């Protein structure tokens, strides 16, 4: 096992590599980490982000869902998952995911609630708001 501080740095490097268009290197890192830590959510978040950036929304959604099933309840993760479902065309599922995000405005420094609310107001999703 990797020490916690080293693991945190590897995860950070993987996300930075994804952000600066080094997705293949980032993918290899997160795939390795998913084998080393099969019951942890963080590799699936990384792999999902890479697929999302490449427009592979089905694969991204699958990894985001795995991360959620493994206990990651991050608001941004739910947003990415909902956006994948929207882009795939599974509007009811997208609505259900995005509607669970807290939209009270009490905590929205990251803008997640605003993005979720804007998609929920879209005509393809608003039909489910009854």
N, C-alpha and C. Protein backbone atom coordinates (compact mmCIF):
# COMPACT_ATOMS: atom_id res chain seq x y z
N UNK A 1 0.83 -1.18 0.00
CA UNK A 1 0.00 0.00 0.00
C UNK A 1 0.87 1.25 0.00
N UNK A 2 0.35 2.27 -0.59
CA UNK A 2 1.04 3.55 -0.69
C UNK A 2 0.66 4.39 0.53
N UNK A 3 1.61 5.13 1.07
CA UNK A 3 1.32 5.99 2.20
C UNK A 3 0.29 7.04 1.80
N UNK A 4 -0.54 7.45 2.75
CA UNK A 4 -1.65 8.37 2.47
C UNK A 4 -1.22 9.66 1.80
N UNK A 5 -0.13 10.27 2.27
CA UNK A 5 0.28 11.54 1.67
C UNK A 5 0.76 11.34 0.24
N UNK A 6 1.45 10.23 -0.03
CA UNK A 6 1.90 9.93 -1.39
C UNK A 6 0.71 9.61 -2.29
N UNK A 7 -0.25 8.88 -1.75
CA UNK A 7 -1.45 8.56 -2.50
C UNK A 7 -2.22 9.82 -2.87
N UNK A 8 -2.35 10.74 -1.92
CA UNK A 8 -3.04 12.01 -2.19
C UNK A 8 -2.35 12.78 -3.31
N UNK A 9 -1.03 12.77 -3.31
CA UNK A 9 -0.27 13.46 -4.37
C UNK A 9 -0.46 12.78 -5.71
N UNK A 10 -0.48 11.46 -5.73
CA UNK A 10 -0.71 10.73 -6.98
C UNK A 10 -2.09 11.05 -7.56
N UNK A 11 -3.08 11.09 -6.69
CA UNK A 11 -4.45 11.41 -7.13
C UNK A 11 -4.48 12.83 -7.70
N UNK A 12 -3.84 13.75 -7.00
CA UNK A 12 -3.79 15.15 -7.45
C UNK A 12 -3.09 15.25 -8.81
N UNK A 13 -1.98 14.55 -8.97
CA UNK A 13 -1.24 14.55 -10.24
C UNK A 13 -2.11 13.97 -11.35
N UNK A 14 -2.84 12.91 -11.04
CA UNK A 14 -3.73 12.31 -12.03
C UNK A 14 -4.80 13.27 -12.52
N UNK A 15 -5.39 14.03 -11.60
CA UNK A 15 -6.42 15.00 -11.97
C UNK A 15 -5.82 16.17 -12.74
N UNK A 16 -4.63 16.61 -12.33
CA UNK A 16 -3.97 17.69 -13.07
C UNK A 16 -3.64 17.23 -14.48
N UNK A 17 -3.14 16.01 -14.62
CA UNK A 17 -2.82 15.47 -15.95
C UNK A 17 -4.06 15.42 -16.83
N UNK A 18 -5.18 15.09 -16.25
CA UNK A 18 -6.45 15.08 -17.00
C UNK A 18 -6.81 16.50 -17.44
N UNK A 19 -6.63 17.46 -16.54
CA UNK A 19 -6.99 18.85 -16.83
C UNK A 19 -6.12 19.48 -17.91
N UNK A 20 -4.88 19.04 -18.04
CA UNK A 20 -3.97 19.64 -19.02
C UNK A 20 -3.81 18.77 -20.26
N UNK A 21 -4.84 17.96 -20.52
CA UNK A 21 -4.91 17.16 -21.75
C UNK A 21 -3.85 16.06 -21.82
N UNK A 22 -3.49 15.50 -20.69
CA UNK A 22 -2.62 14.32 -20.66
C UNK A 22 -3.44 13.12 -20.20
N UNK A 23 -4.59 12.97 -20.84
CA UNK A 23 -5.56 11.96 -20.43
C UNK A 23 -5.04 10.54 -20.46
N UNK A 24 -4.19 10.20 -21.45
CA UNK A 24 -3.69 8.83 -21.52
C UNK A 24 -2.82 8.50 -20.32
N UNK A 25 -1.98 9.44 -19.90
CA UNK A 25 -1.14 9.22 -18.72
C UNK A 25 -2.00 9.15 -17.47
N UNK A 26 -2.96 10.04 -17.39
CA UNK A 26 -3.87 10.06 -16.25
C UNK A 26 -4.66 8.76 -16.18
N UNK A 27 -5.13 8.28 -17.34
CA UNK A 27 -5.91 7.04 -17.39
C UNK A 27 -5.08 5.87 -16.87
N UNK A 28 -3.83 5.78 -17.30
CA UNK A 28 -2.96 4.68 -16.84
C UNK A 28 -2.78 4.73 -15.33
N UNK A 29 -2.59 5.92 -14.80
CA UNK A 29 -2.42 6.07 -13.35
C UNK A 29 -3.67 5.62 -12.61
N UNK A 30 -4.84 6.12 -13.03
CA UNK A 30 -6.07 5.77 -12.32
C UNK A 30 -6.45 4.30 -12.51
N UNK A 31 -6.15 3.73 -13.69
CA UNK A 31 -6.41 2.30 -13.87
C UNK A 31 -5.54 1.48 -12.93
N UNK A 32 -4.27 1.86 -12.79
CA UNK A 32 -3.38 1.16 -11.85
C UNK A 32 -3.91 1.29 -10.42
N UNK A 33 -4.32 2.50 -10.06
CA UNK A 33 -4.85 2.71 -8.71
C UNK A 33 -6.15 1.94 -8.48
N UNK A 34 -6.95 1.76 -9.54
CA UNK A 34 -8.20 1.00 -9.37
C UNK A 34 -7.92 -0.47 -9.08
N UNK A 35 -6.79 -0.98 -9.59
CA UNK A 35 -6.41 -2.36 -9.28
C UNK A 35 -5.81 -2.47 -7.88
N UNK A 36 -5.06 -1.44 -7.50
CA UNK A 36 -4.44 -1.44 -6.18
C UNK A 36 -5.46 -1.18 -5.07
N UNK A 37 -6.51 -0.41 -5.39
CA UNK A 37 -7.54 -0.04 -4.42
C UNK A 37 -8.93 -0.33 -5.00
N UNK A 38 -9.27 -1.61 -5.15
CA UNK A 38 -10.52 -1.96 -5.83
C UNK A 38 -11.80 -1.53 -5.11
N UNK A 39 -11.72 -1.28 -3.82
CA UNK A 39 -12.92 -0.91 -3.06
C UNK A 39 -12.97 0.58 -2.74
N UNK A 40 -12.17 1.36 -3.44
CA UNK A 40 -12.14 2.81 -3.24
C UNK A 40 -12.78 3.49 -4.44
N UNK A 41 -13.38 4.62 -4.18
CA UNK A 41 -14.10 5.36 -5.22
C UNK A 41 -13.19 6.24 -6.08
N UNK A 42 -12.09 6.74 -5.51
CA UNK A 42 -11.32 7.78 -6.20
C UNK A 42 -10.79 7.40 -7.58
N UNK A 43 -10.38 6.13 -7.84
CA UNK A 43 -9.92 5.84 -9.21
C UNK A 43 -11.05 5.98 -10.23
N UNK A 44 -12.26 5.62 -9.82
CA UNK A 44 -13.41 5.71 -10.74
C UNK A 44 -13.77 7.15 -11.05
N UNK A 45 -13.59 8.03 -10.07
CA UNK A 45 -13.81 9.46 -10.32
C UNK A 45 -12.84 9.94 -11.39
N UNK A 46 -11.57 9.58 -11.22
CA UNK A 46 -10.55 9.99 -12.20
C UNK A 46 -10.82 9.44 -13.58
N UNK A 47 -11.10 8.15 -13.67
CA UNK A 47 -11.38 7.51 -14.96
C UNK A 47 -12.63 8.12 -15.58
N UNK A 48 -13.64 8.36 -14.76
CA UNK A 48 -14.88 8.97 -15.26
C UNK A 48 -14.64 10.35 -15.82
N UNK A 49 -13.82 11.15 -15.14
CA UNK A 49 -13.51 12.51 -15.64
C UNK A 49 -12.81 12.46 -16.99
N UNK A 50 -11.90 11.50 -17.15
CA UNK A 50 -11.19 11.37 -18.43
C UNK A 50 -12.16 11.02 -19.54
N UNK A 51 -13.03 10.05 -19.29
CA UNK A 51 -14.02 9.67 -20.30
C UNK A 51 -14.98 10.83 -20.59
N UNK A 52 -15.35 11.58 -19.56
CA UNK A 52 -16.24 12.73 -19.74
C UNK A 52 -15.59 13.75 -20.68
N UNK A 53 -14.32 14.05 -20.43
CA UNK A 53 -13.61 15.02 -21.27
C UNK A 53 -13.49 14.56 -22.71
N UNK A 54 -13.42 13.23 -22.91
CA UNK A 54 -13.31 12.68 -24.26
C UNK A 54 -14.67 12.50 -24.93
N UNK A 55 -15.75 12.77 -24.19
CA UNK A 55 -17.09 12.62 -24.75
C UNK A 55 -17.62 11.20 -24.71
N UNK A 56 -16.96 10.34 -23.95
CA UNK A 56 -17.42 8.96 -23.77
C UNK A 56 -18.36 8.91 -22.56
N UNK A 57 -19.56 9.44 -22.76
CA UNK A 57 -20.46 9.66 -21.64
C UNK A 57 -20.99 8.37 -21.01
N UNK A 58 -21.18 7.32 -21.80
CA UNK A 58 -21.62 6.04 -21.22
C UNK A 58 -20.58 5.50 -20.26
N UNK A 59 -19.31 5.49 -20.71
CA UNK A 59 -18.24 5.00 -19.85
C UNK A 59 -18.06 5.89 -18.63
N UNK A 60 -18.12 7.20 -18.85
CA UNK A 60 -17.98 8.13 -17.73
C UNK A 60 -19.09 7.89 -16.71
N UNK A 61 -20.31 7.75 -17.18
CA UNK A 61 -21.44 7.53 -16.28
C UNK A 61 -21.25 6.25 -15.47
N UNK A 62 -20.78 5.19 -16.12
CA UNK A 62 -20.56 3.93 -15.41
C UNK A 62 -19.54 4.11 -14.29
N UNK A 63 -18.46 4.82 -14.55
CA UNK A 63 -17.44 5.01 -13.52
C UNK A 63 -17.93 5.95 -12.41
N UNK A 64 -18.68 6.99 -12.78
CA UNK A 64 -19.22 7.87 -11.74
C UNK A 64 -20.19 7.10 -10.85
N UNK A 65 -20.99 6.24 -11.46
CA UNK A 65 -21.94 5.44 -10.68
C UNK A 65 -21.20 4.47 -9.75
N UNK A 66 -20.10 3.88 -10.24
CA UNK A 66 -19.30 3.01 -9.37
C UNK A 66 -18.74 3.78 -8.19
N UNK A 67 -18.25 4.99 -8.45
CA UNK A 67 -17.70 5.81 -7.37
C UNK A 67 -18.77 6.14 -6.33
N UNK A 68 -19.96 6.43 -6.79
CA UNK A 68 -21.07 6.73 -5.87
C UNK A 68 -21.43 5.47 -5.08
N UNK A 69 -21.49 4.33 -5.76
CA UNK A 69 -21.80 3.07 -5.07
C UNK A 69 -20.74 2.71 -4.03
N UNK A 70 -19.50 3.17 -4.27
CA UNK A 70 -18.41 2.90 -3.32
C UNK A 70 -18.33 3.95 -2.21
N UNK A 71 -19.30 4.86 -2.17
CA UNK A 71 -19.40 5.77 -1.03
C UNK A 71 -19.03 7.21 -1.27
N UNK A 72 -18.65 7.58 -2.49
CA UNK A 72 -18.34 8.99 -2.74
C UNK A 72 -19.64 9.73 -2.97
N UNK A 73 -19.95 10.69 -2.13
CA UNK A 73 -21.21 11.43 -2.23
C UNK A 73 -20.97 12.90 -2.56
N UNK A 74 -19.88 13.17 -3.25
CA UNK A 74 -19.51 14.54 -3.61
C UNK A 74 -20.53 15.15 -4.58
N UNK A 75 -20.88 16.41 -4.33
CA UNK A 75 -21.87 17.10 -5.18
C UNK A 75 -21.41 17.19 -6.63
N UNK A 76 -20.13 17.47 -6.84
CA UNK A 76 -19.61 17.59 -8.20
C UNK A 76 -19.70 16.25 -8.93
N UNK A 77 -19.46 15.16 -8.22
CA UNK A 77 -19.57 13.83 -8.82
C UNK A 77 -21.00 13.58 -9.28
N UNK A 78 -21.97 13.95 -8.46
CA UNK A 78 -23.37 13.78 -8.85
C UNK A 78 -23.70 14.67 -10.06
N UNK A 79 -23.13 15.85 -10.10
CA UNK A 79 -23.34 16.73 -11.25
C UNK A 79 -22.79 16.11 -12.52
N UNK A 80 -21.54 15.63 -12.48
CA UNK A 80 -20.96 14.98 -13.65
C UNK A 80 -21.81 13.79 -14.09
N UNK A 81 -22.26 13.00 -13.11
CA UNK A 81 -23.08 11.82 -13.42
C UNK A 81 -24.38 12.25 -14.10
N UNK A 82 -25.03 13.25 -13.54
CA UNK A 82 -26.27 13.74 -14.14
C UNK A 82 -26.06 14.31 -15.54
N UNK A 83 -24.96 15.03 -15.75
CA UNK A 83 -24.67 15.60 -17.07
C UNK A 83 -24.40 14.49 -18.09
N UNK A 84 -23.74 13.43 -17.66
CA UNK A 84 -23.53 12.29 -18.57
C UNK A 84 -24.87 11.72 -19.01
N UNK A 85 -25.74 11.49 -18.06
CA UNK A 85 -27.06 10.92 -18.39
C UNK A 85 -27.82 11.85 -19.33
N UNK A 86 -27.71 13.13 -19.12
CA UNK A 86 -28.35 14.11 -20.00
C UNK A 86 -27.78 14.00 -21.42
N UNK A 87 -26.47 13.95 -21.53
CA UNK A 87 -25.83 13.91 -22.85
C UNK A 87 -26.10 12.60 -23.57
N UNK A 88 -26.32 11.52 -22.81
CA UNK A 88 -26.66 10.23 -23.40
C UNK A 88 -28.10 10.24 -23.89
N UNK A 89 -28.93 11.08 -23.28
CA UNK A 89 -30.34 11.15 -23.66
C UNK A 89 -31.25 10.44 -22.68
N UNK A 90 -30.73 10.04 -21.55
CA UNK A 90 -31.54 9.41 -20.51
C UNK A 90 -32.02 10.51 -19.56
N UNK A 91 -33.01 11.24 -20.03
CA UNK A 91 -33.42 12.47 -19.36
C UNK A 91 -34.07 12.24 -18.00
N UNK A 92 -34.85 11.20 -17.86
CA UNK A 92 -35.49 10.92 -16.57
C UNK A 92 -34.43 10.61 -15.52
N UNK A 93 -33.44 9.82 -15.88
CA UNK A 93 -32.36 9.50 -14.94
C UNK A 93 -31.55 10.75 -14.62
N UNK A 94 -31.28 11.57 -15.64
CA UNK A 94 -30.55 12.83 -15.42
C UNK A 94 -31.34 13.71 -14.45
N UNK A 95 -32.64 13.81 -14.67
CA UNK A 95 -33.49 14.61 -13.78
C UNK A 95 -33.39 14.11 -12.34
N UNK A 96 -33.51 12.80 -12.15
CA UNK A 96 -33.48 12.24 -10.80
C UNK A 96 -32.14 12.51 -10.11
N UNK A 97 -31.05 12.40 -10.85
CA UNK A 97 -29.73 12.63 -10.26
C UNK A 97 -29.55 14.11 -9.92
N UNK A 98 -29.83 14.98 -10.88
CA UNK A 98 -29.62 16.41 -10.68
C UNK A 98 -30.57 16.98 -9.64
N UNK A 99 -31.75 16.41 -9.53
CA UNK A 99 -32.74 16.90 -8.57
C UNK A 99 -32.35 16.60 -7.12
N UNK A 100 -31.46 15.63 -6.92
CA UNK A 100 -31.01 15.28 -5.57
C UNK A 100 -29.95 16.24 -5.05
N UNK A 101 -29.34 17.02 -5.94
CA UNK A 101 -28.31 17.96 -5.51
C UNK A 101 -28.97 19.09 -4.74
N UNK A 102 -28.42 19.41 -3.59
CA UNK A 102 -28.96 20.48 -2.74
C UNK A 102 -28.94 21.80 -3.51
N UNK A 103 -30.10 22.39 -3.68
CA UNK A 103 -30.22 23.64 -4.43
C UNK A 103 -30.64 24.79 -3.52
N UNK A 104 -30.37 24.65 -2.24
CA UNK A 104 -30.79 25.68 -1.29
C UNK A 104 -29.99 26.96 -1.44
N UNK A 105 -28.81 26.86 -2.04
CA UNK A 105 -27.97 28.03 -2.20
C UNK A 105 -27.11 28.31 -0.98
N UNK A 106 -27.32 27.56 0.09
CA UNK A 106 -26.53 27.76 1.30
C UNK A 106 -25.05 27.47 1.05
N UNK A 107 -24.80 26.45 0.26
CA UNK A 107 -23.43 26.09 -0.06
C UNK A 107 -23.34 25.88 -1.57
N UNK A 108 -22.86 26.88 -2.26
CA UNK A 108 -22.73 26.73 -3.71
C UNK A 108 -21.51 27.49 -4.22
N UNK A 109 -20.43 27.45 -3.44
CA UNK A 109 -19.21 28.13 -3.85
C UNK A 109 -18.66 27.54 -5.14
N UNK A 110 -18.92 26.26 -5.37
CA UNK A 110 -18.41 25.59 -6.56
C UNK A 110 -19.35 25.74 -7.77
N UNK A 111 -20.53 26.32 -7.57
CA UNK A 111 -21.48 26.53 -8.67
C UNK A 111 -22.27 25.30 -9.07
N UNK A 112 -22.14 24.21 -8.32
CA UNK A 112 -22.82 22.96 -8.67
C UNK A 112 -24.33 23.15 -8.69
N UNK A 113 -24.87 23.80 -7.67
CA UNK A 113 -26.33 23.99 -7.61
C UNK A 113 -26.83 24.80 -8.80
N UNK A 114 -26.10 25.85 -9.16
CA UNK A 114 -26.53 26.69 -10.29
C UNK A 114 -26.55 25.90 -11.59
N UNK A 115 -25.54 25.08 -11.81
CA UNK A 115 -25.50 24.27 -13.03
C UNK A 115 -26.64 23.25 -13.02
N UNK A 116 -26.83 22.58 -11.88
CA UNK A 116 -27.91 21.61 -11.77
C UNK A 116 -29.26 22.27 -12.03
N UNK A 117 -29.48 23.44 -11.43
CA UNK A 117 -30.75 24.14 -11.62
C UNK A 117 -30.94 24.57 -13.07
N UNK A 118 -29.87 24.96 -13.74
CA UNK A 118 -30.02 25.38 -15.14
C UNK A 118 -30.41 24.19 -16.01
N UNK A 119 -29.85 23.03 -15.75
CA UNK A 119 -30.24 21.84 -16.52
C UNK A 119 -31.66 21.40 -16.17
N UNK A 120 -32.01 21.48 -14.88
CA UNK A 120 -33.37 21.09 -14.48
C UNK A 120 -34.42 22.01 -15.10
N UNK A 121 -34.05 23.24 -15.43
CA UNK A 121 -34.96 24.17 -16.08
C UNK A 121 -35.07 23.96 -17.57
N UNK A 122 -34.19 23.12 -18.12
CA UNK A 122 -34.22 22.81 -19.54
C UNK A 122 -35.50 22.06 -19.88
N UNK A 123 -36.04 22.33 -21.05
CA UNK A 123 -37.33 21.72 -21.43
C UNK A 123 -37.30 20.20 -21.44
N UNK A 124 -36.12 19.59 -21.68
CA UNK A 124 -36.04 18.13 -21.72
C UNK A 124 -36.13 17.52 -20.33
N UNK A 125 -35.79 18.30 -19.31
CA UNK A 125 -35.86 17.80 -17.95
C UNK A 125 -37.03 18.35 -17.16
N UNK A 126 -37.44 19.56 -17.47
CA UNK A 126 -38.50 20.21 -16.70
C UNK A 126 -39.84 19.47 -16.81
N UNK A 127 -40.01 18.65 -17.83
CA UNK A 127 -41.24 17.89 -17.97
C UNK A 127 -41.43 16.88 -16.83
N UNK A 128 -40.32 16.52 -16.15
CA UNK A 128 -40.41 15.58 -15.05
C UNK A 128 -40.70 16.25 -13.73
N UNK A 129 -40.70 17.58 -13.72
CA UNK A 129 -40.92 18.35 -12.50
C UNK A 129 -42.41 18.52 -12.27
N UNK A 130 -42.98 17.69 -11.45
CA UNK A 130 -44.43 17.73 -11.23
C UNK A 130 -44.75 17.92 -9.79
